[in-house]
C-alpha atoms as a PDB file:
ATOM      1  CA  MET A   1      98.356  94.646 101.635  1.00  0.00           C
ATOM      2  CA  ALA A   2      94.784  95.391 100.487  1.00  0.00           C
ATOM      3  CA  LYS A   3      93.594  96.337 103.824  1.00  0.00           C
ATOM      4  CA  ILE A   4      96.786  98.785 104.493  1.00  0.00           C
ATOM      5  CA  PHE A   5      96.074 100.274 100.962  1.00  0.00           C
ATOM      6  CA  LEU A   6      92.208 100.931 101.485  1.00  0.00           C
ATOM      7  CA  ILE A   7      93.015 102.159 104.935  1.00  0.00           C
ATOM      8  CA  LEU A   8      95.442 104.424 103.297  1.00  0.00           C
ATOM      9  CA  VAL A   9      93.605 105.579 100.540  1.00  0.00           C
ATOM     10  CA  ILE A  10      90.565 106.401 102.437  1.00  0.00           C
ATOM     11  CA  ALA A  11      92.890 108.773 104.855  1.00  0.00           C
ATOM     12  CA  ALA A  12      94.817 110.437 101.771  1.00  0.00           C
ATOM     13  CA  VAL A  13      91.523 111.530 100.367  1.00  0.00           C
ATOM     14  CA  VAL A  14      90.355 112.986 103.872  1.00  0.00           C
ATOM     15  CA  GLU A  15      93.256 114.687 104.280  1.00  0.00           C
ATOM     16  CA  SER A  16      93.448 116.335 101.262  1.00  0.00           C
ATOM     17  CA  PHE A  17      89.842 117.844 101.609  1.00  0.00           C
ATOM     18  CA  GLY A  18      91.011 118.377 105.158  1.00  0.00           C
ATOM     19  CA  VAL A  19      94.011 120.646 103.761  1.00  0.00           C
ATOM     20  CA  ALA A  20      91.370 121.776 101.177  1.00  0.00           C
ATOM     21  CA  ILE A  21      89.028 122.936 103.156  1.00  0.00           C
ATOM     22  CA  LEU A  22      91.130 124.636 105.946  1.00  0.00           C
ATOM     23  CA  SER A  23      93.203 126.335 103.518  1.00  0.00           C
ATOM     24  CA  GLY A  24      89.548 127.696 102.021  1.00  0.00           C
ATOM     25  CA  GLY A  25      88.540 128.568 105.864  1.00  0.00           C
ATOM     26  CA  LEU A  26      92.093 130.452 106.156  1.00  0.00           C
ATOM     27  CA  LYS A  27      91.800 132.284 103.415  1.00  0.00           C
ATOM     28  CA  GLU A  28      88.103 134.008 104.625  1.00  0.00           C
ATOM     29  CA  ILE A  29      89.974 134.996 107.980  1.00  0.00           C
ATOM     30  CA  GLU A  30      91.930 138.153 107.745  1.00  0.00           C
ATOM     31  CA  GLY A  31      95.687 137.412 109.156  1.00  0.00           C
ATOM     32  CA  VAL A  32      97.793 139.553 112.205  1.00  0.00           C
ATOM     33  CA  LYS A  33      98.601 142.757 111.446  1.00  0.00           C
ATOM     34  CA  GLN A  34     100.510 143.245 114.089  1.00  0.00           C
ATOM     35  CA  VAL A  35     101.955 140.874 117.025  1.00  0.00           C
ATOM     36  CA  THR A  36      99.753 141.939 119.413  1.00  0.00           C
ATOM     37  CA  VAL A  37      97.820 139.721 122.314  1.00  0.00           C
ATOM     38  CA  SER A  38      94.429 141.051 121.087  1.00  0.00           C
ATOM     39  CA  GLU A  39      95.553 140.887 117.418  1.00  0.00           C
ATOM     40  CA  VAL A  40      96.399 137.396 117.934  1.00  0.00           C
ATOM     41  CA  VAL A  41      92.859 137.096 120.383  1.00  0.00           C
ATOM     42  CA  ARG A  42      90.946 138.449 117.336  1.00  0.00           C
ATOM     43  CA  VAL A  43      92.520 135.742 114.570  1.00  0.00           C
ATOM     44  CA  ALA A  44      92.013 133.172 117.157  1.00  0.00           C
ATOM     45  CA  LYS A  45      88.763 133.516 117.759  1.00  0.00           C
ATOM     46  CA  SER A  46      87.672 134.159 113.857  1.00  0.00           C
ATOM     47  CA  GLY A  47      89.555 130.943 113.574  1.00  0.00           C
ATOM     48  CA  VAL A  48      87.653 128.824 115.750  1.00  0.00           C
ATOM     49  CA  THR A  49      84.688 129.975 114.771  1.00  0.00           C
ATOM     50  CA  ASN A  50      84.978 129.419 111.009  1.00  0.00           C
ATOM     51  CA  ARG A  51      83.399 126.467 109.964  1.00  0.00           C
ATOM     52  CA  LYS A  52      85.779 125.580 107.560  1.00  0.00           C
ATOM     53  CA  ILE A  53      88.794 125.545 109.934  1.00  0.00           C
ATOM     54  CA  ILE A  54      86.866 123.759 112.131  1.00  0.00           C
ATOM     55  CA  LEU A  55      85.990 120.953 109.418  1.00  0.00           C
ATOM     56  CA  GLY A  56      89.219 120.914 108.192  1.00  0.00           C
ATOM     57  CA  VAL A  57      90.907 120.638 111.528  1.00  0.00           C
ATOM     58  CA  ALA A  58      88.320 117.640 112.095  1.00  0.00           C
ATOM     59  CA  LEU A  59      89.430 115.991 109.049  1.00  0.00           C
ATOM     60  CA  GLU A  60      93.138 116.310 109.271  1.00  0.00           C
ATOM     61  CA  ALA A  61      92.710 114.649 112.989  1.00  0.00           C
ATOM     62  CA  ALA A  62      90.235 111.929 110.950  1.00  0.00           C
ATOM     63  CA  PHE A  63      93.675 111.143 109.224  1.00  0.00           C
ATOM     64  CA  PHE A  64      96.279 111.322 111.805  1.00  0.00           C
ATOM     65  CA  GLY A  65      94.181 108.567 113.883  1.00  0.00           C
ATOM     66  CA  ALA A  66      94.520 106.553 111.003  1.00  0.00           C
ATOM     67  CA  LEU A  67      97.766 107.410 110.037  1.00  0.00           C
ATOM     68  CA  LEU A  68      98.440 106.412 114.251  1.00  0.00           C
ATOM     69  CA  TYR A  69      96.518 102.812 113.068  1.00  0.00           C
ATOM     70  CA  MET A  70      98.296 102.452 110.183  1.00  0.00           C
ATOM     71  CA  LEU A  71     101.515 102.774 112.242  1.00  0.00           C
ATOM     72  CA  SER A  72     100.570 100.982 115.488  1.00  0.00           C
ATOM     73  CA  LYS A  73     100.412  98.049 112.616  1.00  0.00           C
ATOM     74  CA  TRP A  74     103.284  98.349 110.033  1.00  0.00           C
ATOM     75  CA  ASP A  75     106.812  99.726 109.590  1.00  0.00           C
ATOM     76  CA  VAL A  76     107.078 103.639 109.985  1.00  0.00           C
ATOM     77  CA  SER A  77     109.925 103.259 106.825  1.00  0.00           C
ATOM     78  CA  PHE A  78     106.899 101.367 104.663  1.00  0.00           C
ATOM     79  CA  ILE A  79     103.724 103.616 106.357  1.00  0.00           C
ATOM     80  CA  TRP A  80     105.191 107.002 105.922  1.00  0.00           C
ATOM     81  CA  PRO A  81     106.554 107.149 102.661  1.00  0.00           C
ATOM     82  CA  LEU A  82     103.313 106.046 101.380  1.00  0.00           C
ATOM     83  CA  THR A  83     101.305 108.519 103.244  1.00  0.00           C
ATOM     84  CA  SER A  84     102.780 110.827 100.274  1.00  0.00           C
ATOM     85  CA  LEU A  85     100.087 109.597  98.015  1.00  0.00           C
ATOM     86  CA  GLY A  86      98.033 112.225  99.924  1.00  0.00           C
ATOM     87  CA  PHE A  87      99.943 115.106  98.065  1.00  0.00           C
ATOM     88  CA  ILE A  88      98.358 113.186  94.569  1.00  0.00           C
ATOM     89  CA  CYS A  89      95.204 113.937  96.140  1.00  0.00           C
ATOM     90  CA  THR A  90      95.603 117.635  97.276  1.00  0.00           C
ATOM     91  CA  THR A  91      96.986 118.785  94.294  1.00  0.00           C
ATOM     92  CA  PHE A  92      93.695 117.652  92.753  1.00  0.00           C
ATOM     93  CA  ALA A  93      91.717 118.921  95.316  1.00  0.00           C
ATOM     94  CA  ALA A  94      93.564 122.456  95.374  1.00  0.00           C
ATOM     95  CA  ALA A  95      92.852 121.908  91.411  1.00  0.00           C
ATOM     96  CA  PHE A  96      89.049 121.321  91.558  1.00  0.00           C
ATOM     97  CA  PHE A  97      87.814 122.809  94.526  1.00  0.00           C
ATOM     98  CA  LEU A  98      90.236 125.805  95.005  1.00  0.00           C
ATOM     99  CA  HIS A  99      90.684 126.606  91.136  1.00  0.00           C
ATOM    100  CA  GLU A 100      94.463 126.651  92.120  1.00  0.00           C
ATOM    101  CA  LYS A 101      96.659 126.285  88.912  1.00  0.00           C
ATOM    102  CA  VAL A 102      99.197 123.837  88.952  1.00  0.00           C
ATOM    103  CA  SER A 103     102.065 124.249  86.434  1.00  0.00           C
ATOM    104  CA  PRO A 104     103.006 121.396  84.587  1.00  0.00           C
ATOM    105  CA  VAL A 105     106.401 121.288  86.365  1.00  0.00           C
ATOM    106  CA  ARG A 106     104.468 120.755  89.604  1.00  0.00           C
ATOM    107  CA  TRP A 107     102.285 117.648  88.538  1.00  0.00           C
ATOM    108  CA  ALA A 108     106.018 116.280  87.792  1.00  0.00           C
ATOM    109  CA  GLY A 109     106.896 116.528  91.032  1.00  0.00           C
ATOM    110  CA  VAL A 110     103.641 115.242  92.254  1.00  0.00           C
ATOM    111  CA  CYS A 111     104.399 112.091  89.793  1.00  0.00           C
ATOM    112  CA  LEU A 112     107.894 111.525  91.029  1.00  0.00           C
ATOM    113  CA  ILE A 113     106.310 111.657  94.875  1.00  0.00           C
ATOM    114  CA  ALA A 114     103.735 108.592  93.539  1.00  0.00           C
ATOM    115  CA  LEU A 115     106.783 106.911  91.646  1.00  0.00           C
ATOM    116  CA  GLY A 116     108.337 106.842  95.331  1.00  0.00           C
ATOM    117  CA  ALA A 117     105.973 105.956  96.849  1.00  0.00           C
ATOM    118  CA  ALA A 118     105.128 102.778  94.562  1.00  0.00           C
ATOM    119  CA  LEU A 119     108.368 101.876  94.979  1.00  0.00           C
ATOM    120  CA  THR A 120     107.935 101.717  98.686  1.00  0.00           C
ATOM    121  CA  SER A 121     105.288  99.694  98.304  1.00  0.00           C
ATOM    122  CA  TYR A 122     106.964  97.083  96.117  1.00  0.00           C
ATOM    123  CA  SER A 123     109.913  96.450  98.861  1.00  0.00           C
ATOM    124  CA  GLU A 124     107.330  96.109 100.996  1.00  0.00           C
ATOM    125  CA  ALA A 125     104.931  93.711  98.686  1.00  0.00           C
ATOM    126  CA  ALA A 126     108.369  91.944  98.073  1.00  0.00           C
ATOM    127  CA  LYS A 127     109.822  91.391 101.727  1.00  0.00           C
ATOM    128  CA  GLN A 128     110.926  87.880 102.256  1.00  0.00           C
ATOM    129  CA  PRO A 129     109.171  87.158 105.885  1.00  0.00           C
ATOM    130  CA  PRO A 130     111.561  85.958 108.287  1.00  0.00           C
ATOM    131  CA  THR A 131     112.513  82.346 108.713  1.00  0.00           C
ATOM    132  CA  GLN A 132     111.161  80.652 111.834  1.00  0.00           C
ATOM    133  CA  GLU A 133     113.302  78.358 112.633  1.00  0.00           C
ATOM    134  CA  PRO A 134     111.632  75.063 115.089  1.00  0.00           C
ATOM    135  CA  PRO A 135     112.053  75.323 118.804  1.00  0.00           C
ATOM    136  CA  PRO A 136     114.197  73.507 119.999  1.00  0.00           C
ATOM    137  CA  ALA A 137     113.420  70.415 121.235  1.00  0.00           C
ATOM    138  CA  ALA A 138     113.074  69.169 125.048  1.00  0.00           C
ATOM    139  CA  SER A 139     116.302  67.799 126.311  1.00  0.00           C
ATOM    140  CA  THR A 140     115.629  64.159 127.436  1.00  0.00           C
ATOM    141  CA  THR A 141     119.341  63.227 128.380  1.00  0.00           C
ATOM    142  CA  LEU A 142     119.653  62.533 131.962  1.00  0.00           C
ATOM    143  CA  HIS A 143     122.587  64.254 133.570  1.00  0.00           C
ATOM    144  CA  PRO A 144     124.941  61.909 135.235  1.00  0.00           C
ATOM    145  CA  GLN A 145     125.104  62.474 138.965  1.00  0.00           C
END
């Protein structure tokens, strides 16, 4: 259980830095003014050449790799709610690195998310392992002929 939480915490931190850096990069480029092919190409070129966007996407890809690993080892009903712990890290990253003002109501919502994730992890820890029945003994009786 400790391994999953270590992977999860690292993945949540990587994801939150990725989201914060990605957001900062997206705010540096000018968005689409009109929906035309040339305008979409201009914005795409600005995006793929922006270092913050590239780093943000790379960090999000690393998070996705960790998520794939976790989903391959544990129940999705356990892992997916725990990824919401990233909301806490992302909110801190937004407040401290992007200097966003996070209202008390928003912090309360983040705390509720954390509570739900804690309940999910508790349910996994409390889950009883399935009882294993001994394999059936080999039959040694002879069949009448």
